Amino acid sequence: MCVDLVCKKISGETDARSDPETMAQEDPVIICRNCHLHITWPEFQIEVNQGFSHTFANPQGHVFEIGCFSTAAGCVKASAPSSEFSWFNGYVWSVGICRGCQTQLGWIFSSTEGKTPARFFGLILETLIFP
């Protein structure tokens, strides 16, 4: 498993929110439905292609509703990047799994064409519990 996820504040300093172990219980956090590990915060929701949520089907016909996040410290890469069947033009994807229980949470998309955002997390909404 490749873990290259680093969360930073705009100032460039490491944010305590990047470490699932230090996430405060009283903060409104988004957690893994399976193991309750803190995955991200609502404030990291972003719009990609004019929306936060998107519904897609993979080549096998499985339908996923995903939400886009700028960072998700509880989600780590579990595969090499692939350009096959990418749901977002100009991006490659890697499978993203929960840092705690290894349940697939979604995909980590990385730009191959200098697009903004350079990277984002497309997380399967039904695998998460929102505050």
N, C-alpha and C. Protein backbone atom coordinates (compact mmCIF):
# COMPACT_ATOMS: atom_id res chain seq x y z
N MET A 1 0.86 -1.17 0.00
CA MET A 1 0.00 0.00 0.00
C MET A 1 0.90 1.23 0.00
N CYS A 2 0.60 2.15 -0.90
CA CYS A 2 1.39 3.38 -1.01
C CYS A 2 0.70 4.48 -0.24
N VAL A 3 1.39 5.09 0.69
CA VAL A 3 0.82 6.19 1.48
C VAL A 3 1.65 7.43 1.20
N ASP A 4 1.14 8.28 0.29
CA ASP A 4 1.87 9.51 -0.02
C ASP A 4 1.02 10.72 0.29
N LEU A 5 0.03 10.55 1.16
CA LEU A 5 -0.92 11.60 1.46
C LEU A 5 -0.37 12.55 2.51
N VAL A 6 -0.27 13.81 2.15
CA VAL A 6 0.19 14.82 3.09
C VAL A 6 -0.79 15.97 3.02
N CYS A 7 -1.39 16.32 4.16
CA CYS A 7 -2.32 17.43 4.21
C CYS A 7 -1.59 18.64 4.73
N LYS A 8 -1.81 19.78 4.12
CA LYS A 8 -1.16 21.00 4.56
C LYS A 8 -2.16 22.14 4.57
N LYS A 9 -1.93 23.07 5.47
CA LYS A 9 -2.69 24.30 5.48
C LYS A 9 -2.22 25.16 4.32
N ILE A 10 -2.97 26.16 4.00
CA ILE A 10 -2.58 27.09 2.93
C ILE A 10 -1.21 27.68 3.23
N SER A 11 -0.89 27.87 4.49
CA SER A 11 0.40 28.44 4.87
C SER A 11 1.56 27.50 4.59
N GLY A 12 1.24 26.21 4.31
CA GLY A 12 2.30 25.24 4.04
C GLY A 12 2.70 24.44 5.26
N GLU A 13 2.16 24.76 6.44
CA GLU A 13 2.50 24.00 7.63
C GLU A 13 1.59 22.79 7.72
N THR A 14 2.09 21.73 8.33
CA THR A 14 1.29 20.53 8.52
C THR A 14 0.10 20.83 9.40
N ASP A 15 -1.04 20.34 9.00
CA ASP A 15 -2.30 20.54 9.72
C ASP A 15 -2.55 19.33 10.60
N ALA A 16 -2.88 19.53 11.87
CA ALA A 16 -3.17 18.41 12.76
C ALA A 16 -4.32 17.58 12.23
N ARG A 17 -5.17 18.17 11.41
CA ARG A 17 -6.29 17.42 10.85
C ARG A 17 -5.84 16.39 9.83
N SER A 18 -4.59 16.41 9.41
CA SER A 18 -4.09 15.44 8.46
C SER A 18 -3.83 14.09 9.12
N ASP A 19 -3.82 14.04 10.42
CA ASP A 19 -3.52 12.81 11.15
C ASP A 19 -4.78 12.29 11.82
N PRO A 20 -5.32 11.14 11.32
CA PRO A 20 -6.55 10.61 11.91
C PRO A 20 -6.43 10.34 13.40
N GLU A 21 -5.22 10.10 13.90
CA GLU A 21 -5.03 9.82 15.32
C GLU A 21 -5.26 11.05 16.19
N THR A 22 -5.05 12.26 15.62
CA THR A 22 -5.18 13.48 16.43
C THR A 22 -6.48 14.23 16.20
N MET A 23 -7.36 13.67 15.38
CA MET A 23 -8.63 14.34 15.10
C MET A 23 -9.50 14.35 16.35
N ALA A 24 -9.97 15.52 16.73
CA ALA A 24 -10.77 15.68 17.94
C ALA A 24 -12.14 15.05 17.77
N GLN A 25 -12.58 14.31 18.77
CA GLN A 25 -13.88 13.64 18.73
C GLN A 25 -15.04 14.62 18.64
N GLU A 26 -14.90 15.82 19.22
CA GLU A 26 -16.02 16.75 19.25
C GLU A 26 -16.20 17.52 17.94
N ASP A 27 -15.21 17.50 17.06
CA ASP A 27 -15.34 18.18 15.77
C ASP A 27 -16.32 17.42 14.89
N PRO A 28 -17.06 18.13 14.04
CA PRO A 28 -17.96 17.45 13.10
C PRO A 28 -17.14 16.82 11.98
N VAL A 29 -16.90 15.53 12.07
CA VAL A 29 -16.04 14.84 11.12
C VAL A 29 -16.85 13.83 10.31
N ILE A 30 -16.30 13.48 9.17
CA ILE A 30 -16.86 12.42 8.33
C ILE A 30 -16.05 11.17 8.63
N ILE A 31 -16.75 10.08 8.93
CA ILE A 31 -16.07 8.85 9.36
C ILE A 31 -16.40 7.68 8.44
N CYS A 32 -15.56 6.65 8.51
CA CYS A 32 -15.78 5.40 7.78
C CYS A 32 -16.99 4.68 8.37
N ARG A 33 -17.92 4.29 7.52
CA ARG A 33 -19.11 3.58 7.98
C ARG A 33 -18.74 2.24 8.61
N ASN A 34 -17.66 1.63 8.17
CA ASN A 34 -17.29 0.30 8.65
C ASN A 34 -16.58 0.33 10.01
N CYS A 35 -15.55 1.18 10.16
CA CYS A 35 -14.73 1.13 11.39
C CYS A 35 -14.77 2.42 12.21
N HIS A 36 -15.44 3.45 11.69
CA HIS A 36 -15.60 4.75 12.37
C HIS A 36 -14.32 5.56 12.47
N LEU A 37 -13.31 5.24 11.66
CA LEU A 37 -12.11 6.07 11.60
C LEU A 37 -12.47 7.41 10.98
N HIS A 38 -11.88 8.47 11.47
CA HIS A 38 -12.09 9.79 10.89
C HIS A 38 -11.44 9.82 9.51
N ILE A 39 -12.22 10.18 8.50
CA ILE A 39 -11.73 10.20 7.12
C ILE A 39 -11.41 11.62 6.67
N THR A 40 -12.33 12.56 6.90
CA THR A 40 -12.14 13.94 6.46
C THR A 40 -13.13 14.84 7.19
N TRP A 41 -13.18 16.09 6.81
CA TRP A 41 -14.11 17.07 7.38
C TRP A 41 -15.03 17.59 6.28
N PRO A 42 -16.25 18.00 6.64
CA PRO A 42 -17.16 18.59 5.66
C PRO A 42 -16.55 19.80 4.94
N GLU A 43 -15.70 20.55 5.61
CA GLU A 43 -15.11 21.74 5.01
C GLU A 43 -14.19 21.43 3.83
N PHE A 44 -13.81 20.16 3.65
CA PHE A 44 -12.95 19.77 2.54
C PHE A 44 -13.74 19.31 1.31
N GLN A 45 -15.07 19.45 1.34
CA GLN A 45 -15.88 19.14 0.17
C GLN A 45 -15.57 20.18 -0.91
N ILE A 46 -15.42 19.71 -2.15
CA ILE A 46 -15.13 20.62 -3.26
C ILE A 46 -16.02 20.27 -4.45
N GLU A 47 -16.10 21.20 -5.37
CA GLU A 47 -16.79 20.94 -6.62
C GLU A 47 -15.78 20.60 -7.70
N VAL A 48 -16.04 19.52 -8.41
CA VAL A 48 -15.27 19.13 -9.58
C VAL A 48 -16.28 18.96 -10.70
N ASN A 49 -15.99 19.50 -11.85
CA ASN A 49 -16.95 19.48 -12.98
C ASN A 49 -18.32 19.99 -12.55
N GLN A 50 -18.34 21.10 -11.88
CA GLN A 50 -19.53 21.83 -11.46
C GLN A 50 -20.39 21.10 -10.42
N GLY A 51 -19.81 20.19 -9.66
CA GLY A 51 -20.60 19.56 -8.62
C GLY A 51 -19.77 18.84 -7.58
N PHE A 52 -20.36 18.73 -6.37
CA PHE A 52 -19.72 17.97 -5.30
C PHE A 52 -19.96 16.47 -5.51
N SER A 53 -21.21 16.09 -5.78
CA SER A 53 -21.52 14.67 -5.94
C SER A 53 -21.74 14.32 -7.40
N HIS A 54 -21.37 13.09 -7.73
CA HIS A 54 -21.47 12.57 -9.10
C HIS A 54 -21.90 11.11 -9.01
N THR A 55 -22.66 10.65 -9.99
CA THR A 55 -23.05 9.25 -10.06
C THR A 55 -22.46 8.66 -11.33
N PHE A 56 -21.72 7.56 -11.16
CA PHE A 56 -21.04 6.91 -12.28
C PHE A 56 -21.23 5.40 -12.18
N ALA A 57 -21.07 4.74 -13.32
CA ALA A 57 -21.05 3.27 -13.36
C ALA A 57 -19.68 2.83 -13.84
N ASN A 58 -19.17 1.76 -13.24
CA ASN A 58 -17.89 1.23 -13.70
C ASN A 58 -18.16 0.27 -14.88
N PRO A 59 -17.11 -0.25 -15.53
CA PRO A 59 -17.32 -1.12 -16.68
C PRO A 59 -18.13 -2.39 -16.37
N GLN A 60 -18.17 -2.80 -15.12
CA GLN A 60 -18.95 -3.98 -14.74
C GLN A 60 -20.41 -3.62 -14.45
N GLY A 61 -20.76 -2.35 -14.54
CA GLY A 61 -22.13 -1.92 -14.33
C GLY A 61 -22.48 -1.54 -12.90
N HIS A 62 -21.52 -1.56 -11.98
CA HIS A 62 -21.77 -1.13 -10.60
C HIS A 62 -21.87 0.39 -10.56
N VAL A 63 -22.93 0.89 -9.95
CA VAL A 63 -23.17 2.33 -9.89
C VAL A 63 -22.68 2.86 -8.54
N PHE A 64 -21.96 3.99 -8.60
CA PHE A 64 -21.42 4.62 -7.40
C PHE A 64 -21.82 6.08 -7.37
N GLU A 65 -22.24 6.56 -6.20
CA GLU A 65 -22.40 7.99 -5.99
C GLU A 65 -21.22 8.43 -5.15
N ILE A 66 -20.43 9.34 -5.71
CA ILE A 66 -19.24 9.79 -5.01
C ILE A 66 -19.35 11.27 -4.70
N GLY A 67 -18.63 11.68 -3.65
CA GLY A 67 -18.47 13.08 -3.30
C GLY A 67 -17.01 13.44 -3.44
N CYS A 68 -16.73 14.67 -3.83
CA CYS A 68 -15.35 15.11 -4.07
C CYS A 68 -14.82 15.89 -2.87
N PHE A 69 -13.60 15.57 -2.46
CA PHE A 69 -12.95 16.19 -1.31
C PHE A 69 -11.53 16.58 -1.70
N SER A 70 -11.08 17.73 -1.20
CA SER A 70 -9.72 18.17 -1.49
C SER A 70 -8.69 17.36 -0.72
N THR A 71 -9.07 16.84 0.43
CA THR A 71 -8.18 16.00 1.22
C THR A 71 -9.01 15.04 2.05
N ALA A 72 -8.41 13.91 2.34
CA ALA A 72 -9.06 12.89 3.16
C ALA A 72 -7.96 12.06 3.82
N ALA A 73 -7.52 12.50 4.98
CA ALA A 73 -6.37 11.88 5.66
C ALA A 73 -6.60 10.42 6.02
N GLY A 74 -7.85 10.01 6.16
CA GLY A 74 -8.14 8.62 6.51
C GLY A 74 -8.22 7.70 5.31
N CYS A 75 -8.01 8.24 4.11
CA CYS A 75 -8.07 7.45 2.87
C CYS A 75 -6.68 7.40 2.25
N VAL A 76 -6.21 6.21 1.94
CA VAL A 76 -4.87 6.04 1.38
C VAL A 76 -4.93 5.24 0.07
N LYS A 77 -3.91 5.43 -0.76
CA LYS A 77 -3.81 4.74 -2.05
C LYS A 77 -3.61 3.24 -1.83
N ALA A 78 -4.29 2.45 -2.67
CA ALA A 78 -4.14 1.00 -2.59
C ALA A 78 -3.86 0.38 -3.96
N SER A 79 -3.60 1.22 -4.96
CA SER A 79 -3.29 0.68 -6.28
C SER A 79 -2.43 1.69 -7.04
N ALA A 80 -1.83 1.19 -8.09
CA ALA A 80 -1.08 2.08 -8.99
C ALA A 80 -2.08 2.93 -9.77
N PRO A 81 -1.68 4.10 -10.22
CA PRO A 81 -2.59 4.94 -11.01
C PRO A 81 -2.97 4.26 -12.33
N SER A 82 -4.20 4.51 -12.75
CA SER A 82 -4.70 3.97 -14.01
C SER A 82 -5.47 5.06 -14.75
N SER A 83 -5.39 5.02 -16.06
CA SER A 83 -6.16 5.96 -16.87
C SER A 83 -7.38 5.28 -17.50
N GLU A 84 -7.51 3.96 -17.31
CA GLU A 84 -8.62 3.24 -17.89
C GLU A 84 -9.94 3.66 -17.26
N PHE A 85 -10.90 4.00 -18.10
CA PHE A 85 -12.26 4.33 -17.68
C PHE A 85 -12.30 5.42 -16.61
N SER A 86 -11.41 6.40 -16.69
CA SER A 86 -11.44 7.49 -15.71
C SER A 86 -12.73 8.29 -15.89
N TRP A 87 -13.38 8.58 -14.79
CA TRP A 87 -14.62 9.34 -14.82
C TRP A 87 -14.38 10.83 -15.00
N PHE A 88 -13.15 11.25 -14.85
CA PHE A 88 -12.81 12.67 -14.97
C PHE A 88 -11.71 12.81 -16.02
N ASN A 89 -12.04 13.46 -17.14
CA ASN A 89 -11.06 13.66 -18.21
C ASN A 89 -9.83 14.39 -17.69
N GLY A 90 -8.66 13.89 -18.10
CA GLY A 90 -7.41 14.52 -17.69
C GLY A 90 -6.90 14.06 -16.33
N TYR A 91 -7.55 13.04 -15.76
CA TYR A 91 -7.14 12.52 -14.45
C TYR A 91 -6.93 11.01 -14.54
N VAL A 92 -5.93 10.53 -13.81
CA VAL A 92 -5.77 9.10 -13.56
C VAL A 92 -6.32 8.82 -12.18
N TRP A 93 -6.64 7.58 -11.90
CA TRP A 93 -7.22 7.23 -10.60
C TRP A 93 -6.45 6.09 -9.96
N SER A 94 -6.48 6.07 -8.64
CA SER A 94 -5.97 4.96 -7.82
C SER A 94 -7.08 4.61 -6.85
N VAL A 95 -7.19 3.35 -6.51
CA VAL A 95 -8.16 2.93 -5.50
C VAL A 95 -7.78 3.56 -4.17
N GLY A 96 -8.77 4.08 -3.44
CA GLY A 96 -8.55 4.65 -2.12
C GLY A 96 -9.25 3.81 -1.07
N ILE A 97 -8.50 3.43 -0.03
CA ILE A 97 -9.06 2.59 1.03
C ILE A 97 -8.95 3.28 2.38
N CYS A 98 -9.75 2.82 3.32
CA CYS A 98 -9.70 3.34 4.68
C CYS A 98 -8.37 2.95 5.32
N ARG A 99 -7.72 3.92 5.93
CA ARG A 99 -6.45 3.70 6.62
C ARG A 99 -6.62 2.71 7.76
N GLY A 100 -7.83 2.63 8.34
CA GLY A 100 -8.07 1.76 9.48
C GLY A 100 -8.44 0.33 9.12
N CYS A 101 -9.48 0.15 8.29
CA CYS A 101 -10.02 -1.19 8.05
C CYS A 101 -9.80 -1.70 6.62
N GLN A 102 -9.21 -0.90 5.77
CA GLN A 102 -8.91 -1.23 4.38
C GLN A 102 -10.15 -1.42 3.50
N THR A 103 -11.30 -0.95 3.94
CA THR A 103 -12.50 -0.94 3.09
C THR A 103 -12.28 0.07 1.97
N GLN A 104 -12.71 -0.28 0.75
CA GLN A 104 -12.59 0.70 -0.33
C GLN A 104 -13.54 1.85 -0.05
N LEU A 105 -12.97 3.06 0.00
CA LEU A 105 -13.75 4.27 0.21
C LEU A 105 -14.03 5.01 -1.10
N GLY A 106 -13.24 4.73 -2.13
CA GLY A 106 -13.42 5.41 -3.41
C GLY A 106 -12.13 5.42 -4.18
N TRP A 107 -11.83 6.60 -4.76
CA TRP A 107 -10.69 6.73 -5.65
C TRP A 107 -9.98 8.05 -5.40
N ILE A 108 -8.68 8.04 -5.66
CA ILE A 108 -7.88 9.25 -5.58
C ILE A 108 -7.53 9.62 -7.01
N PHE A 109 -7.95 10.80 -7.44
CA PHE A 109 -7.75 11.26 -8.81
C PHE A 109 -6.59 12.25 -8.85
N SER A 110 -5.68 12.05 -9.81
CA SER A 110 -4.53 12.92 -9.98
C SER A 110 -4.50 13.42 -11.41
N SER A 111 -4.29 14.72 -11.58
CA SER A 111 -4.27 15.34 -12.90
C SER A 111 -3.04 14.91 -13.68
N THR A 112 -3.26 14.64 -14.95
CA THR A 112 -2.16 14.34 -15.87
C THR A 112 -1.92 15.50 -16.82
N GLU A 113 -2.75 16.54 -16.71
CA GLU A 113 -2.70 17.65 -17.66
C GLU A 113 -2.58 19.00 -16.97
N GLY A 114 -2.10 19.03 -15.74
CA GLY A 114 -1.97 20.29 -15.03
C GLY A 114 -3.29 20.92 -14.64
N LYS A 115 -4.32 20.10 -14.51
CA LYS A 115 -5.64 20.62 -14.15
C LYS A 115 -5.71 20.98 -12.68
N THR A 116 -6.69 21.80 -12.34
CA THR A 116 -6.97 22.16 -10.96
C THR A 116 -8.31 21.56 -10.58
N PRO A 117 -8.39 20.83 -9.49
CA PRO A 117 -7.30 20.56 -8.55
C PRO A 117 -6.33 19.52 -9.11
N ALA A 118 -5.10 19.56 -8.63
CA ALA A 118 -4.09 18.61 -9.08
C ALA A 118 -4.41 17.20 -8.58
N ARG A 119 -5.08 17.13 -7.42
CA ARG A 119 -5.48 15.84 -6.84
C ARG A 119 -6.74 16.05 -6.03
N PHE A 120 -7.62 15.06 -6.05
CA PHE A 120 -8.80 15.09 -5.20
C PHE A 120 -9.25 13.66 -4.93
N PHE A 121 -10.10 13.54 -3.92
CA PHE A 121 -10.62 12.26 -3.48
C PHE A 121 -12.07 12.15 -3.91
N GLY A 122 -12.42 11.11 -4.65
CA GLY A 122 -13.80 10.82 -5.01
C GLY A 122 -14.26 9.68 -4.11
N LEU A 123 -14.95 10.01 -3.02
CA LEU A 123 -15.30 9.01 -2.01
C LEU A 123 -16.74 8.55 -2.18
N ILE A 124 -16.94 7.24 -2.07
CA ILE A 124 -18.27 6.64 -2.21
C ILE A 124 -19.09 7.08 -1.00
N LEU A 125 -20.16 7.82 -1.26
CA LEU A 125 -20.92 8.44 -0.17
C LEU A 125 -21.52 7.41 0.79
N GLU A 126 -21.92 6.24 0.29
CA GLU A 126 -22.52 5.25 1.19
C GLU A 126 -21.51 4.57 2.10
N THR A 127 -20.19 4.80 1.88
CA THR A 127 -19.18 4.22 2.77
C THR A 127 -18.84 5.16 3.92
N LEU A 128 -19.47 6.34 3.94
CA LEU A 128 -19.15 7.36 4.92
C LEU A 128 -20.36 7.67 5.81
N ILE A 129 -20.05 8.16 7.00
CA ILE A 129 -21.09 8.71 7.89
C ILE A 129 -20.77 10.17 8.07
N PHE A 130 -21.74 11.02 7.71
CA PHE A 130 -21.59 12.47 7.81
C PHE A 130 -22.14 12.95 9.15
N PRO A 131 -21.58 14.07 9.68
CA PRO A 131 -22.08 14.59 10.96
C PRO A 131 -23.50 15.13 10.82
